[in-house]
Amino acid sequence: MKKNLILSLVCVIGLCLTQVDSFAQYKKGDVILNTGVGLGYWYGSGGYADFAAGIAVNAEFSCILDDIAIGPYLAFTRRSYNYSGYSDDYTFIDFGARGTYHFGTLLKVNNEKFDPYAGVFLGFVTTSNDYDGNSAYDAYDSRVQGGLYAGARWFFSDKFGAFGEVGVGGMYPLFLGLTFKLK
């Protein structure tokens, strides 16, 4: 887990150091919406990322300081196992809050289209299981969960861009999608 976090931070910092225009623009009052696809899933695997795909949306409200944002997230992940004539289908619904620090100014990122960030989240995951076999067994209970993430977004225009995140704990090891600046 530490190895993934360190690798994630090294990648994000490396991206930051390759940019060259004017300082990144993320300021108090901004509202950002991210929607995308998560690949892998931490919770349903006993501490390591297992293959699953999900969809998620989160929002950021920069109402505290220029570089700090908070907001909600919601994710839906479905995973299926088929073995020896049995099938096991799990559905995970995650929801909670994220806190994000945008460190473009701190690192003197010289491109206003590039926004590197990292953060923490805390939420709840509900699970359901559809088991087709001799007995019903649900290996995953609903619970409170948290995690860390690091990512970056690139704005193609003032209001539209793409993002990528890597995460440790919680939901997705890799989360990719589109970002919209609403305000």
N, C-alpha and C. Protein backbone atom coordinates (compact mmCIF):
# COMPACT_ATOMS: atom_id res chain seq x y z
N MET A 1 0.82 -1.17 0.00
CA MET A 1 0.00 0.00 0.00
C MET A 1 0.88 1.25 0.00
N LYS A 2 1.93 1.29 0.82
CA LYS A 2 2.84 2.44 0.83
C LYS A 2 3.52 2.60 -0.52
N LYS A 3 3.86 1.47 -1.15
CA LYS A 3 4.54 1.50 -2.44
C LYS A 3 3.64 2.18 -3.49
N ASN A 4 2.33 1.87 -3.49
CA ASN A 4 1.41 2.49 -4.44
C ASN A 4 1.27 3.99 -4.19
N LEU A 5 1.21 4.40 -2.93
CA LEU A 5 1.08 5.81 -2.60
C LEU A 5 2.32 6.58 -3.04
N ILE A 6 3.48 6.04 -2.76
CA ILE A 6 4.74 6.70 -3.14
C ILE A 6 4.84 6.81 -4.66
N LEU A 7 4.52 5.74 -5.38
CA LEU A 7 4.55 5.75 -6.84
C LEU A 7 3.57 6.80 -7.38
N SER A 8 2.38 6.88 -6.80
CA SER A 8 1.39 7.86 -7.22
C SER A 8 1.90 9.28 -7.05
N LEU A 9 2.47 9.59 -5.90
CA LEU A 9 2.98 10.93 -5.64
C LEU A 9 4.13 11.28 -6.57
N VAL A 10 5.02 10.33 -6.83
CA VAL A 10 6.14 10.57 -7.74
C VAL A 10 5.62 10.90 -9.14
N CYS A 11 4.60 10.18 -9.61
CA CYS A 11 4.03 10.43 -10.94
C CYS A 11 3.41 11.83 -11.02
N VAL A 12 2.64 12.20 -10.01
CA VAL A 12 2.00 13.51 -10.02
C VAL A 12 3.04 14.63 -9.96
N ILE A 13 4.03 14.49 -9.11
CA ILE A 13 5.09 15.50 -9.01
C ILE A 13 5.86 15.59 -10.33
N GLY A 14 6.13 14.46 -10.95
CA GLY A 14 6.81 14.46 -12.25
C GLY A 14 6.02 15.21 -13.30
N LEU A 15 4.71 15.02 -13.31
CA LEU A 15 3.86 15.76 -14.25
C LEU A 15 3.92 17.26 -13.97
N CYS A 16 3.93 17.61 -12.70
CA CYS A 16 3.97 19.04 -12.31
C CYS A 16 5.23 19.70 -12.83
N LEU A 17 6.33 19.03 -12.74
CA LEU A 17 7.61 19.62 -13.11
C LEU A 17 7.79 19.79 -14.62
N THR A 18 6.92 19.18 -15.42
CA THR A 18 7.06 19.28 -16.87
C THR A 18 6.23 20.40 -17.48
N GLN A 19 5.47 21.15 -16.70
CA GLN A 19 4.60 22.19 -17.22
C GLN A 19 5.32 23.53 -17.26
N VAL A 20 4.90 24.40 -18.22
CA VAL A 20 5.62 25.69 -18.34
C VAL A 20 4.80 26.89 -18.85
N ASP A 21 3.85 27.50 -18.27
CA ASP A 21 3.25 28.74 -18.76
C ASP A 21 3.06 29.72 -17.61
N SER A 22 1.82 29.83 -17.08
CA SER A 22 1.58 30.68 -15.92
C SER A 22 0.98 29.82 -14.81
N PHE A 23 0.88 30.36 -13.61
CA PHE A 23 0.47 29.55 -12.46
C PHE A 23 -0.92 28.95 -12.63
N ALA A 24 -1.09 27.74 -12.07
CA ALA A 24 -2.37 27.04 -12.14
C ALA A 24 -3.46 27.89 -11.50
N GLN A 25 -4.65 27.85 -12.06
CA GLN A 25 -5.77 28.65 -11.57
C GLN A 25 -6.80 27.75 -10.90
N TYR A 26 -6.81 27.75 -9.60
CA TYR A 26 -7.88 27.11 -8.82
C TYR A 26 -8.10 28.02 -7.64
N LYS A 27 -9.28 28.61 -7.53
CA LYS A 27 -9.48 29.63 -6.51
C LYS A 27 -10.79 29.45 -5.76
N LYS A 28 -10.88 30.13 -4.64
CA LYS A 28 -12.08 30.10 -3.81
C LYS A 28 -13.29 30.49 -4.65
N GLY A 29 -14.37 29.73 -4.52
CA GLY A 29 -15.59 29.98 -5.29
C GLY A 29 -15.77 29.03 -6.46
N ASP A 30 -14.71 28.32 -6.85
CA ASP A 30 -14.81 27.37 -7.97
C ASP A 30 -15.69 26.17 -7.58
N VAL A 31 -16.45 25.68 -8.55
CA VAL A 31 -17.25 24.47 -8.39
C VAL A 31 -16.90 23.54 -9.54
N ILE A 32 -16.43 22.34 -9.21
CA ILE A 32 -15.98 21.40 -10.24
C ILE A 32 -16.74 20.08 -10.07
N LEU A 33 -17.13 19.49 -11.18
CA LEU A 33 -17.81 18.19 -11.19
C LEU A 33 -16.96 17.22 -12.00
N ASN A 34 -16.64 16.08 -11.41
CA ASN A 34 -15.90 15.01 -12.09
C ASN A 34 -16.81 13.81 -12.25
N THR A 35 -16.78 13.20 -13.40
CA THR A 35 -17.52 11.96 -13.61
C THR A 35 -16.65 11.03 -14.44
N GLY A 36 -16.64 9.75 -14.06
CA GLY A 36 -15.75 8.86 -14.79
C GLY A 36 -15.93 7.40 -14.44
N VAL A 37 -14.92 6.64 -14.85
CA VAL A 37 -14.91 5.18 -14.68
C VAL A 37 -13.78 4.81 -13.75
N GLY A 38 -14.10 3.99 -12.76
CA GLY A 38 -13.09 3.47 -11.84
C GLY A 38 -12.70 2.07 -12.27
N LEU A 39 -11.41 1.78 -12.24
CA LEU A 39 -10.91 0.46 -12.62
C LEU A 39 -10.22 -0.17 -11.41
N GLY A 40 -10.59 -1.41 -11.12
CA GLY A 40 -10.12 -2.07 -9.91
C GLY A 40 -11.06 -1.70 -8.79
N TYR A 41 -10.92 -2.34 -7.64
CA TYR A 41 -11.74 -1.99 -6.48
C TYR A 41 -11.05 -2.49 -5.23
N TRP A 42 -10.80 -1.59 -4.26
CA TRP A 42 -10.05 -1.96 -3.07
C TRP A 42 -10.88 -2.75 -2.08
N TYR A 43 -12.10 -2.36 -1.82
CA TYR A 43 -12.85 -2.93 -0.69
C TYR A 43 -13.08 -4.43 -0.82
N GLY A 44 -13.52 -4.87 -1.96
CA GLY A 44 -13.92 -6.25 -2.11
C GLY A 44 -12.80 -7.22 -2.34
N SER A 45 -11.62 -6.97 -1.81
CA SER A 45 -10.51 -7.84 -2.16
C SER A 45 -9.58 -8.17 -1.00
N GLY A 46 -9.96 -7.83 0.19
CA GLY A 46 -9.13 -8.18 1.33
C GLY A 46 -7.83 -7.40 1.41
N GLY A 47 -7.80 -6.15 0.95
CA GLY A 47 -6.61 -5.33 1.09
C GLY A 47 -5.80 -5.15 -0.18
N TYR A 48 -6.13 -5.82 -1.24
CA TYR A 48 -5.44 -5.60 -2.51
C TYR A 48 -6.50 -5.31 -3.56
N ALA A 49 -6.09 -4.63 -4.63
CA ALA A 49 -7.05 -4.24 -5.66
C ALA A 49 -7.39 -5.43 -6.54
N ASP A 50 -8.67 -5.65 -6.72
CA ASP A 50 -9.17 -6.73 -7.55
C ASP A 50 -9.85 -6.11 -8.76
N PHE A 51 -9.97 -6.85 -9.86
CA PHE A 51 -10.57 -6.26 -11.04
C PHE A 51 -12.07 -6.08 -10.86
N ALA A 52 -12.51 -4.89 -11.13
CA ALA A 52 -13.92 -4.52 -11.19
C ALA A 52 -13.95 -3.18 -11.91
N ALA A 53 -15.09 -2.84 -12.43
CA ALA A 53 -15.25 -1.52 -13.06
C ALA A 53 -16.47 -0.86 -12.45
N GLY A 54 -16.40 0.43 -12.30
CA GLY A 54 -17.51 1.15 -11.73
C GLY A 54 -17.62 2.54 -12.32
N ILE A 55 -18.70 3.21 -11.99
CA ILE A 55 -18.88 4.59 -12.40
C ILE A 55 -18.99 5.45 -11.14
N ALA A 56 -18.51 6.67 -11.22
CA ALA A 56 -18.52 7.53 -10.05
C ALA A 56 -18.64 8.98 -10.47
N VAL A 57 -19.12 9.78 -9.54
CA VAL A 57 -19.21 11.22 -9.72
C VAL A 57 -18.82 11.86 -8.40
N ASN A 58 -18.13 12.99 -8.48
CA ASN A 58 -17.82 13.75 -7.28
C ASN A 58 -17.81 15.23 -7.63
N ALA A 59 -17.99 16.04 -6.60
CA ALA A 59 -18.00 17.49 -6.79
C ALA A 59 -17.00 18.12 -5.84
N GLU A 60 -16.47 19.26 -6.24
CA GLU A 60 -15.54 20.03 -5.40
C GLU A 60 -16.07 21.45 -5.28
N PHE A 61 -16.18 21.90 -4.03
CA PHE A 61 -16.59 23.27 -3.74
C PHE A 61 -15.43 23.93 -3.02
N SER A 62 -14.83 24.91 -3.67
CA SER A 62 -13.71 25.61 -3.06
C SER A 62 -14.26 26.75 -2.21
N CYS A 63 -14.65 26.41 -0.99
CA CYS A 63 -15.28 27.40 -0.12
C CYS A 63 -14.44 27.69 1.12
N ILE A 64 -13.29 27.04 1.26
CA ILE A 64 -12.46 27.23 2.44
C ILE A 64 -11.32 28.19 2.12
N LEU A 65 -10.41 27.78 1.28
CA LEU A 65 -9.27 28.58 0.83
C LEU A 65 -9.10 28.38 -0.66
N ASP A 66 -8.23 29.16 -1.27
CA ASP A 66 -8.01 29.03 -2.71
C ASP A 66 -7.61 27.63 -3.13
N ASP A 67 -6.80 26.95 -2.37
CA ASP A 67 -6.25 25.66 -2.78
C ASP A 67 -6.95 24.45 -2.15
N ILE A 68 -7.96 24.65 -1.33
CA ILE A 68 -8.62 23.54 -0.62
C ILE A 68 -10.09 23.48 -1.03
N ALA A 69 -10.55 22.27 -1.34
CA ALA A 69 -11.94 22.06 -1.73
C ALA A 69 -12.52 20.89 -0.96
N ILE A 70 -13.82 20.91 -0.77
CA ILE A 70 -14.53 19.78 -0.16
C ILE A 70 -15.74 19.47 -1.03
N GLY A 71 -16.25 18.26 -0.93
CA GLY A 71 -17.43 17.92 -1.69
C GLY A 71 -17.82 16.46 -1.56
N PRO A 72 -19.00 16.12 -2.06
CA PRO A 72 -19.51 14.76 -1.96
C PRO A 72 -19.02 13.86 -3.10
N TYR A 73 -19.13 12.55 -2.89
CA TYR A 73 -18.88 11.59 -3.96
C TYR A 73 -19.93 10.48 -3.90
N LEU A 74 -20.16 9.85 -5.04
CA LEU A 74 -21.08 8.72 -5.16
C LEU A 74 -20.50 7.79 -6.22
N ALA A 75 -20.46 6.49 -5.90
CA ALA A 75 -19.90 5.52 -6.86
C ALA A 75 -20.73 4.24 -6.85
N PHE A 76 -20.79 3.60 -7.99
CA PHE A 76 -21.50 2.32 -8.17
C PHE A 76 -20.53 1.35 -8.83
N THR A 77 -20.30 0.21 -8.18
CA THR A 77 -19.38 -0.80 -8.72
C THR A 77 -20.05 -2.15 -8.67
N ARG A 78 -19.89 -2.91 -9.74
CA ARG A 78 -20.45 -4.27 -9.81
C ARG A 78 -19.33 -5.22 -10.17
N ARG A 79 -19.29 -6.35 -9.49
CA ARG A 79 -18.24 -7.33 -9.72
C ARG A 79 -18.86 -8.72 -9.71
N SER A 80 -18.44 -9.57 -10.65
CA SER A 80 -18.98 -10.92 -10.76
C SER A 80 -17.87 -11.95 -10.73
N TYR A 81 -18.13 -13.05 -10.05
CA TYR A 81 -17.25 -14.22 -10.04
C TYR A 81 -18.03 -15.41 -10.60
N ASN A 82 -17.41 -16.19 -11.43
CA ASN A 82 -18.01 -17.43 -11.91
C ASN A 82 -16.99 -18.54 -11.72
N TYR A 83 -17.38 -19.59 -11.02
CA TYR A 83 -16.46 -20.69 -10.75
C TYR A 83 -17.25 -21.97 -10.49
N SER A 84 -16.83 -23.05 -11.04
CA SER A 84 -17.39 -24.39 -10.83
C SER A 84 -18.91 -24.42 -10.86
N GLY A 85 -19.52 -23.74 -11.81
CA GLY A 85 -20.97 -23.76 -11.93
C GLY A 85 -21.70 -22.80 -11.01
N TYR A 86 -20.98 -22.03 -10.23
CA TYR A 86 -21.59 -21.06 -9.33
C TYR A 86 -21.25 -19.65 -9.81
N SER A 87 -22.14 -18.74 -9.50
CA SER A 87 -21.83 -17.34 -9.79
C SER A 87 -22.09 -16.50 -8.54
N ASP A 88 -21.30 -15.51 -8.37
CA ASP A 88 -21.37 -14.60 -7.23
C ASP A 88 -21.32 -13.19 -7.77
N ASP A 89 -22.36 -12.41 -7.60
CA ASP A 89 -22.41 -11.04 -8.10
C ASP A 89 -22.52 -10.08 -6.92
N TYR A 90 -21.59 -9.13 -6.87
CA TYR A 90 -21.58 -8.14 -5.81
C TYR A 90 -21.85 -6.75 -6.37
N THR A 91 -22.60 -5.97 -5.63
CA THR A 91 -22.84 -4.57 -5.96
C THR A 91 -22.38 -3.74 -4.78
N PHE A 92 -21.54 -2.74 -5.05
CA PHE A 92 -21.04 -1.83 -4.03
C PHE A 92 -21.52 -0.42 -4.37
N ILE A 93 -22.11 0.26 -3.42
CA ILE A 93 -22.49 1.66 -3.58
C ILE A 93 -21.74 2.44 -2.51
N ASP A 94 -20.89 3.36 -2.95
CA ASP A 94 -20.07 4.17 -2.06
C ASP A 94 -20.58 5.61 -2.08
N PHE A 95 -20.61 6.24 -0.92
CA PHE A 95 -20.95 7.66 -0.86
C PHE A 95 -20.28 8.27 0.37
N GLY A 96 -20.00 9.56 0.28
CA GLY A 96 -19.32 10.23 1.38
C GLY A 96 -18.80 11.59 0.96
N ALA A 97 -17.72 12.02 1.64
CA ALA A 97 -17.15 13.34 1.40
C ALA A 97 -15.66 13.23 1.10
N ARG A 98 -15.19 14.15 0.26
CA ARG A 98 -13.78 14.24 -0.11
C ARG A 98 -13.24 15.61 0.29
N GLY A 99 -11.99 15.63 0.67
CA GLY A 99 -11.27 16.88 0.91
C GLY A 99 -10.06 16.89 0.00
N THR A 100 -9.88 17.95 -0.79
CA THR A 100 -8.85 17.99 -1.81
C THR A 100 -7.96 19.22 -1.64
N TYR A 101 -6.66 19.01 -1.75
CA TYR A 101 -5.71 20.11 -1.74
C TYR A 101 -5.11 20.22 -3.15
N HIS A 102 -5.27 21.38 -3.78
CA HIS A 102 -4.73 21.65 -5.12
C HIS A 102 -3.37 22.31 -4.93
N PHE A 103 -2.31 21.59 -5.29
CA PHE A 103 -0.97 22.08 -4.96
C PHE A 103 -0.21 22.68 -6.13
N GLY A 104 -0.90 23.16 -7.15
CA GLY A 104 -0.25 23.82 -8.27
C GLY A 104 0.51 25.06 -7.87
N THR A 105 -0.07 25.89 -7.01
CA THR A 105 0.60 27.11 -6.56
C THR A 105 1.82 26.78 -5.72
N LEU A 106 1.67 25.83 -4.81
CA LEU A 106 2.77 25.42 -3.94
C LEU A 106 3.98 24.94 -4.75
N LEU A 107 3.70 24.16 -5.80
CA LEU A 107 4.78 23.61 -6.63
C LEU A 107 5.16 24.53 -7.79
N LYS A 108 4.52 25.69 -7.86
CA LYS A 108 4.79 26.66 -8.92
C LYS A 108 4.59 26.06 -10.33
N VAL A 109 3.47 25.35 -10.48
CA VAL A 109 3.12 24.77 -11.78
C VAL A 109 2.86 25.92 -12.73
N ASN A 110 3.50 25.89 -13.87
CA ASN A 110 3.47 27.01 -14.80
C ASN A 110 2.51 26.79 -15.98
N ASN A 111 1.32 26.29 -15.71
CA ASN A 111 0.34 26.11 -16.77
C ASN A 111 -1.04 26.13 -16.15
N GLU A 112 -1.85 27.13 -16.48
CA GLU A 112 -3.16 27.27 -15.85
C GLU A 112 -4.15 26.19 -16.28
N LYS A 113 -3.84 25.41 -17.30
CA LYS A 113 -4.72 24.31 -17.72
C LYS A 113 -4.48 23.05 -16.90
N PHE A 114 -3.37 22.97 -16.21
CA PHE A 114 -2.96 21.78 -15.46
C PHE A 114 -3.23 21.99 -13.98
N ASP A 115 -3.94 21.05 -13.35
CA ASP A 115 -4.32 21.16 -11.95
C ASP A 115 -3.97 19.87 -11.20
N PRO A 116 -2.82 19.81 -10.54
CA PRO A 116 -2.48 18.63 -9.74
C PRO A 116 -3.11 18.75 -8.34
N TYR A 117 -3.51 17.62 -7.77
CA TYR A 117 -4.17 17.65 -6.47
C TYR A 117 -4.00 16.31 -5.76
N ALA A 118 -4.30 16.32 -4.48
CA ALA A 118 -4.29 15.10 -3.67
C ALA A 118 -5.31 15.30 -2.56
N GLY A 119 -5.77 14.20 -1.99
CA GLY A 119 -6.76 14.37 -0.94
C GLY A 119 -7.09 13.09 -0.19
N VAL A 120 -8.08 13.23 0.66
CA VAL A 120 -8.57 12.14 1.49
C VAL A 120 -10.09 12.07 1.32
N PHE A 121 -10.64 10.90 1.59
CA PHE A 121 -12.09 10.79 1.61
C PHE A 121 -12.52 9.87 2.74
N LEU A 122 -13.74 10.10 3.17
CA LEU A 122 -14.35 9.27 4.21
C LEU A 122 -15.80 9.09 3.83
N GLY A 123 -16.26 7.85 3.87
CA GLY A 123 -17.64 7.60 3.48
C GLY A 123 -18.12 6.26 3.96
N PHE A 124 -19.14 5.77 3.30
CA PHE A 124 -19.79 4.52 3.65
C PHE A 124 -19.97 3.71 2.38
N VAL A 125 -19.79 2.41 2.47
CA VAL A 125 -20.03 1.53 1.33
C VAL A 125 -21.12 0.53 1.73
N THR A 126 -22.13 0.41 0.89
CA THR A 126 -23.16 -0.60 1.09
C THR A 126 -22.90 -1.72 0.08
N THR A 127 -23.17 -2.93 0.47
CA THR A 127 -22.95 -4.06 -0.43
C THR A 127 -24.20 -4.92 -0.51
N SER A 128 -24.35 -5.54 -1.65
CA SER A 128 -25.39 -6.56 -1.80
C SER A 128 -24.79 -7.69 -2.63
N ASN A 129 -25.33 -8.89 -2.43
CA ASN A 129 -24.77 -10.08 -3.04
C ASN A 129 -25.88 -10.89 -3.67
N ASP A 130 -25.68 -11.33 -4.89
CA ASP A 130 -26.60 -12.24 -5.56
C ASP A 130 -25.80 -13.51 -5.85
N TYR A 131 -26.04 -14.55 -5.06
CA TYR A 131 -25.26 -15.78 -5.14
C TYR A 131 -26.10 -16.87 -5.76
N ASP A 132 -25.60 -17.51 -6.82
CA ASP A 132 -26.30 -18.59 -7.49
C ASP A 132 -25.51 -19.88 -7.25
N GLY A 133 -25.87 -20.60 -6.22
CA GLY A 133 -25.15 -21.81 -5.86
C GLY A 133 -25.86 -22.54 -4.74
N ASN A 134 -25.12 -23.35 -4.00
CA ASN A 134 -25.73 -24.15 -2.94
C ASN A 134 -26.08 -23.36 -1.69
N SER A 135 -25.35 -22.31 -1.39
CA SER A 135 -25.64 -21.52 -0.20
C SER A 135 -25.33 -20.06 -0.47
N ALA A 136 -26.00 -19.19 0.26
CA ALA A 136 -25.76 -17.76 0.10
C ALA A 136 -24.68 -17.33 1.09
N TYR A 137 -23.64 -16.74 0.58
CA TYR A 137 -22.55 -16.28 1.42
C TYR A 137 -22.15 -14.89 0.97
N ASP A 138 -22.24 -13.93 1.87
CA ASP A 138 -21.85 -12.55 1.55
C ASP A 138 -20.54 -12.26 2.27
N ALA A 139 -19.47 -12.17 1.51
CA ALA A 139 -18.14 -11.99 2.09
C ALA A 139 -17.87 -10.55 2.51
N TYR A 140 -18.68 -9.60 2.08
CA TYR A 140 -18.38 -8.19 2.31
C TYR A 140 -19.55 -7.51 3.02
N ASP A 141 -19.28 -6.96 4.17
CA ASP A 141 -20.29 -6.22 4.93
C ASP A 141 -20.24 -4.75 4.56
N SER A 142 -21.37 -4.08 4.74
CA SER A 142 -21.39 -2.63 4.59
C SER A 142 -20.56 -2.03 5.73
N ARG A 143 -19.86 -0.92 5.43
CA ARG A 143 -19.00 -0.36 6.47
C ARG A 143 -18.57 1.06 6.11
N VAL A 144 -17.99 1.73 7.11
CA VAL A 144 -17.35 3.03 6.91
C VAL A 144 -15.98 2.77 6.31
N GLN A 145 -15.57 3.61 5.37
CA GLN A 145 -14.24 3.44 4.77
C GLN A 145 -13.64 4.79 4.41
N GLY A 146 -12.34 4.81 4.32
CA GLY A 146 -11.62 6.01 3.94
C GLY A 146 -10.50 5.65 2.99
N GLY A 147 -9.87 6.65 2.45
CA GLY A 147 -8.76 6.40 1.53
C GLY A 147 -8.05 7.68 1.14
N LEU A 148 -7.00 7.52 0.39
CA LEU A 148 -6.18 8.62 -0.13
C LEU A 148 -6.19 8.57 -1.65
N TYR A 149 -6.03 9.71 -2.28
CA TYR A 149 -5.93 9.75 -3.73
C TYR A 149 -5.02 10.90 -4.15
N ALA A 150 -4.44 10.77 -5.32
CA ALA A 150 -3.65 11.83 -5.95
C ALA A 150 -4.05 11.85 -7.41
N GLY A 151 -4.12 13.02 -7.99
CA GLY A 151 -4.55 13.10 -9.37
C GLY A 151 -4.17 14.41 -10.01
N ALA A 152 -4.59 14.53 -11.24
CA ALA A 152 -4.37 15.76 -11.99
C ALA A 152 -5.47 15.87 -13.03
N ARG A 153 -5.78 17.11 -13.35
CA ARG A 153 -6.74 17.35 -14.44
C ARG A 153 -6.13 18.33 -15.43
N TRP A 154 -6.57 18.18 -16.65
CA TRP A 154 -6.11 19.06 -17.73
C TRP A 154 -7.35 19.66 -18.36
N PHE A 155 -7.41 20.99 -18.37
CA PHE A 155 -8.55 21.68 -18.95
C PHE A 155 -8.28 21.98 -20.43
N PHE A 156 -9.19 21.53 -21.29
CA PHE A 156 -9.11 21.80 -22.72
C PHE A 156 -9.69 23.18 -23.03
N SER A 157 -10.60 23.65 -22.17
CA SER A 157 -11.19 24.98 -22.28
C SER A 157 -11.39 25.49 -20.86
N ASP A 158 -12.01 26.65 -20.72
CA ASP A 158 -12.25 27.21 -19.38
C ASP A 158 -13.19 26.34 -18.54
N LYS A 159 -14.05 25.56 -19.18
CA LYS A 159 -15.09 24.81 -18.46
C LYS A 159 -15.02 23.30 -18.61
N PHE A 160 -14.13 22.76 -19.43
CA PHE A 160 -14.14 21.33 -19.73
C PHE A 160 -12.72 20.76 -19.75
N GLY A 161 -12.58 19.54 -19.16
CA GLY A 161 -11.27 18.90 -19.17
C GLY A 161 -11.38 17.41 -18.90
N ALA A 162 -10.23 16.81 -18.65
CA ALA A 162 -10.14 15.38 -18.33
C ALA A 162 -9.30 15.25 -17.06
N PHE A 163 -9.49 14.15 -16.34
CA PHE A 163 -8.73 13.93 -15.12
C PHE A 163 -8.33 12.48 -14.98
N GLY A 164 -7.35 12.23 -14.15
CA GLY A 164 -6.94 10.89 -13.77
C GLY A 164 -6.52 10.90 -12.32
N GLU A 165 -6.91 9.85 -11.59
CA GLU A 165 -6.54 9.73 -10.18
C GLU A 165 -6.05 8.32 -9.90
N VAL A 166 -5.15 8.21 -8.95
CA VAL A 166 -4.76 6.92 -8.39
C VAL A 166 -5.11 6.97 -6.92
N GLY A 167 -5.54 5.84 -6.38
CA GLY A 167 -5.98 5.82 -5.00
C GLY A 167 -5.45 4.64 -4.22
N VAL A 168 -5.41 4.82 -2.91
CA VAL A 168 -4.99 3.77 -1.99
C VAL A 168 -6.08 3.65 -0.93
N GLY A 169 -6.56 2.43 -0.73
CA GLY A 169 -7.65 2.23 0.22
C GLY A 169 -8.95 2.71 -0.38
N GLY A 170 -10.04 2.34 0.21
CA GLY A 170 -11.32 2.84 -0.28
C GLY A 170 -11.74 2.24 -1.59
N MET A 171 -11.92 3.08 -2.61
CA MET A 171 -12.54 2.62 -3.84
C MET A 171 -11.55 2.16 -4.93
N TYR A 172 -11.26 3.03 -5.89
CA TYR A 172 -10.58 2.62 -7.11
C TYR A 172 -9.08 2.92 -7.10
N PRO A 173 -8.26 1.95 -7.51
CA PRO A 173 -6.84 2.23 -7.69
C PRO A 173 -6.60 3.19 -8.86
N LEU A 174 -7.50 3.18 -9.86
CA LEU A 174 -7.39 4.06 -11.02
C LEU A 174 -8.78 4.60 -11.36
N PHE A 175 -8.87 5.92 -11.47
CA PHE A 175 -10.15 6.59 -11.75
C PHE A 175 -9.88 7.62 -12.84
N LEU A 176 -10.57 7.48 -13.99
CA LEU A 176 -10.36 8.33 -15.17
C LEU A 176 -11.68 8.90 -15.64
N GLY A 177 -11.67 10.14 -16.12
CA GLY A 177 -12.93 10.68 -16.62
C GLY A 177 -12.86 12.11 -17.08
N LEU A 178 -14.05 12.74 -17.10
CA LEU A 178 -14.21 14.11 -17.58
C LEU A 178 -14.47 15.03 -16.40
N THR A 179 -14.03 16.26 -16.54
CA THR A 179 -14.23 17.25 -15.49
C THR A 179 -14.89 18.49 -16.09
N PHE A 180 -15.79 19.07 -15.31
CA PHE A 180 -16.55 20.24 -15.75
C PHE A 180 -16.44 21.33 -14.68
N LYS A 181 -16.03 22.51 -15.08
CA LYS A 181 -15.97 23.64 -14.15
C LYS A 181 -17.30 24.38 -14.29
N LEU A 182 -18.13 24.30 -13.24
CA LEU A 182 -19.45 24.87 -13.30
C LEU A 182 -19.48 26.35 -12.91
N LYS A 183 -18.51 26.76 -12.11
CA LYS A 183 -18.46 28.15 -11.66
C LYS A 183 -17.04 28.60 -11.53
